[in-house]
Amino acid sequence: MDLITNILFFVGIFVLVKSILPYLYEFLLYLLPMKNLLKIYGSDSWAIVTGATDGLGKAFAEELAKLGFNLIIISRNNEKLR
């Protein structure tokens, strides 16, 4: 019975660690400083952003514009895109 308890304990620990790792990765990415993308790619860099009129696409487009990237923005909604 003691062997089965130990096996179940280690299986439980494995499942717990496996389920926590993606969240830990995201948390660590949040803490790390952002890289200077213009320094990496150059001051004449271009970025293409799809879905640039709502949600994450819009947020990415705004942040890239603040950093000084030239943008090509794509959306299905022409009115919002204007």
C-alpha atoms as a PDB file:
ATOM      1  CA  MET A   1       0.000   0.000   0.000  1.00  0.00           C
ATOM      2  CA  ASP A   2       2.894   2.354   0.720  1.00  0.00           C
ATOM      3  CA  LEU A   3       4.284   1.940  -2.816  1.00  0.00           C
ATOM      4  CA  ILE A   4       0.921   2.842  -4.360  1.00  0.00           C
ATOM      5  CA  THR A   5       0.704   5.949  -2.162  1.00  0.00           C
ATOM      6  CA  ASN A   6       4.167   7.073  -3.270  1.00  0.00           C
ATOM      7  CA  ILE A   7       3.358   6.491  -6.934  1.00  0.00           C
ATOM      8  CA  LEU A   8       0.105   8.453  -6.665  1.00  0.00           C
ATOM      9  CA  PHE A   9       1.920  11.249  -4.837  1.00  0.00           C
ATOM     10  CA  PHE A  10       4.516  11.630  -7.601  1.00  0.00           C
ATOM     11  CA  VAL A  11       1.889  11.386 -10.337  1.00  0.00           C
ATOM     12  CA  GLY A  12      -0.083  14.129  -8.564  1.00  0.00           C
ATOM     13  CA  ILE A  13       3.012  16.328  -8.282  1.00  0.00           C
ATOM     14  CA  PHE A  14       3.767  15.777 -11.991  1.00  0.00           C
ATOM     15  CA  VAL A  15       0.231  16.738 -13.034  1.00  0.00           C
ATOM     16  CA  LEU A  16       0.300  19.801 -10.779  1.00  0.00           C
ATOM     17  CA  VAL A  17       3.651  21.030 -12.113  1.00  0.00           C
ATOM     18  CA  LYS A  18       2.589  20.367 -15.706  1.00  0.00           C
ATOM     19  CA  SER A  19      -0.589  22.424 -15.224  1.00  0.00           C
ATOM     20  CA  ILE A  20       1.223  25.323 -13.518  1.00  0.00           C
ATOM     21  CA  LEU A  21       4.146  25.667 -15.974  1.00  0.00           C
ATOM     22  CA  PRO A  22       2.290  27.643 -18.700  1.00  0.00           C
ATOM     23  CA  TYR A  23       1.125  30.201 -16.130  1.00  0.00           C
ATOM     24  CA  LEU A  24       4.589  30.438 -14.625  1.00  0.00           C
ATOM     25  CA  TYR A  25       6.032  31.052 -18.102  1.00  0.00           C
ATOM     26  CA  GLU A  26       3.529  33.864 -18.766  1.00  0.00           C
ATOM     27  CA  PHE A  27       4.272  35.389 -15.364  1.00  0.00           C
ATOM     28  CA  LEU A  28       8.015  35.375 -16.034  1.00  0.00           C
ATOM     29  CA  LEU A  29       7.487  36.989 -19.444  1.00  0.00           C
ATOM     30  CA  TYR A  30       5.482  39.718 -17.697  1.00  0.00           C
ATOM     31  CA  LEU A  31       8.361  40.417 -15.306  1.00  0.00           C
ATOM     32  CA  LEU A  32      11.104  40.502 -17.922  1.00  0.00           C
ATOM     33  CA  PRO A  33      11.851  43.871 -19.532  1.00  0.00           C
ATOM     34  CA  MET A  34      10.660  44.410 -23.095  1.00  0.00           C
ATOM     35  CA  LYS A  35      13.327  44.288 -25.784  1.00  0.00           C
ATOM     36  CA  ASN A  36      14.015  47.354 -27.896  1.00  0.00           C
ATOM     37  CA  LEU A  37      12.466  46.162 -31.149  1.00  0.00           C
ATOM     38  CA  LEU A  38      13.613  49.156 -33.181  1.00  0.00           C
ATOM     39  CA  LYS A  39      17.197  48.513 -32.121  1.00  0.00           C
ATOM     40  CA  ILE A  40      16.865  44.869 -33.176  1.00  0.00           C
ATOM     41  CA  TYR A  41      15.070  45.466 -36.492  1.00  0.00           C
ATOM     42  CA  GLY A  42      16.175  48.995 -37.394  1.00  0.00           C
ATOM     43  CA  SER A  43      14.468  52.383 -37.560  1.00  0.00           C
ATOM     44  CA  ASP A  44      12.951  51.756 -41.012  1.00  0.00           C
ATOM     45  CA  SER A  45      11.135  48.604 -39.890  1.00  0.00           C
ATOM     46  CA  TRP A  46       7.636  47.705 -40.916  1.00  0.00           C
ATOM     47  CA  ALA A  47       5.029  45.632 -39.089  1.00  0.00           C
ATOM     48  CA  ILE A  48       1.835  44.068 -40.392  1.00  0.00           C
ATOM     49  CA  VAL A  49      -1.017  43.854 -37.893  1.00  0.00           C
ATOM     50  CA  THR A  50      -4.189  41.940 -38.677  1.00  0.00           C
ATOM     51  CA  GLY A  51      -7.407  42.625 -36.818  1.00  0.00           C
ATOM     52  CA  ALA A  52      -6.169  46.137 -36.122  1.00  0.00           C
ATOM     53  CA  THR A  53      -9.564  47.702 -35.370  1.00  0.00           C
ATOM     54  CA  ASP A  54     -10.473  45.751 -32.210  1.00  0.00           C
ATOM     55  CA  GLY A  55      -8.999  43.894 -29.271  1.00  0.00           C
ATOM     56  CA  LEU A  56      -5.449  42.592 -29.311  1.00  0.00           C
ATOM     57  CA  GLY A  57      -4.788  43.624 -32.900  1.00  0.00           C
ATOM     58  CA  LYS A  58      -5.675  47.217 -32.093  1.00  0.00           C
ATOM     59  CA  ALA A  59      -3.526  47.159 -28.941  1.00  0.00           C
ATOM     60  CA  PHE A  60      -0.555  45.744 -30.872  1.00  0.00           C
ATOM     61  CA  ALA A  61      -0.952  48.358 -33.595  1.00  0.00           C
ATOM     62  CA  GLU A  62      -1.079  51.179 -31.051  1.00  0.00           C
ATOM     63  CA  GLU A  63       2.011  49.935 -29.186  1.00  0.00           C
ATOM     64  CA  LEU A  64       4.008  49.398 -32.361  1.00  0.00           C
ATOM     65  CA  ALA A  65       3.044  52.885 -33.546  1.00  0.00           C
ATOM     66  CA  LYS A  66       4.241  54.334 -30.211  1.00  0.00           C
ATOM     67  CA  LEU A  67       7.562  52.550 -30.719  1.00  0.00           C
ATOM     68  CA  GLY A  68       7.927  54.187 -34.132  1.00  0.00           C
ATOM     69  CA  PHE A  69       7.255  51.276 -36.477  1.00  0.00           C
ATOM     70  CA  ASN A  70       5.813  51.829 -39.930  1.00  0.00           C
ATOM     71  CA  LEU A  71       2.535  49.906 -39.970  1.00  0.00           C
ATOM     72  CA  ILE A  72       0.355  48.062 -42.409  1.00  0.00           C
ATOM     73  CA  ILE A  73      -2.942  47.477 -40.641  1.00  0.00           C
ATOM     74  CA  ILE A  74      -5.511  45.005 -41.884  1.00  0.00           C
ATOM     75  CA  SER A  75      -9.134  44.616 -40.872  1.00  0.00           C
ATOM     76  CA  ARG A  76     -12.377  43.205 -42.197  1.00  0.00           C
ATOM     77  CA  ASN A  77     -14.255  46.372 -41.237  1.00  0.00           C
ATOM     78  CA  ASN A  78     -13.357  49.276 -43.553  1.00  0.00           C
ATOM     79  CA  GLU A  79     -15.299  51.859 -41.550  1.00  0.00           C
ATOM     80  CA  LYS A  80     -13.417  51.098 -38.340  1.00  0.00           C
ATOM     81  CA  LEU A  81     -10.137  50.911 -40.216  1.00  0.00           C
ATOM     82  CA  ARG A  82     -10.521  54.492 -41.436  1.00  0.00           C
END
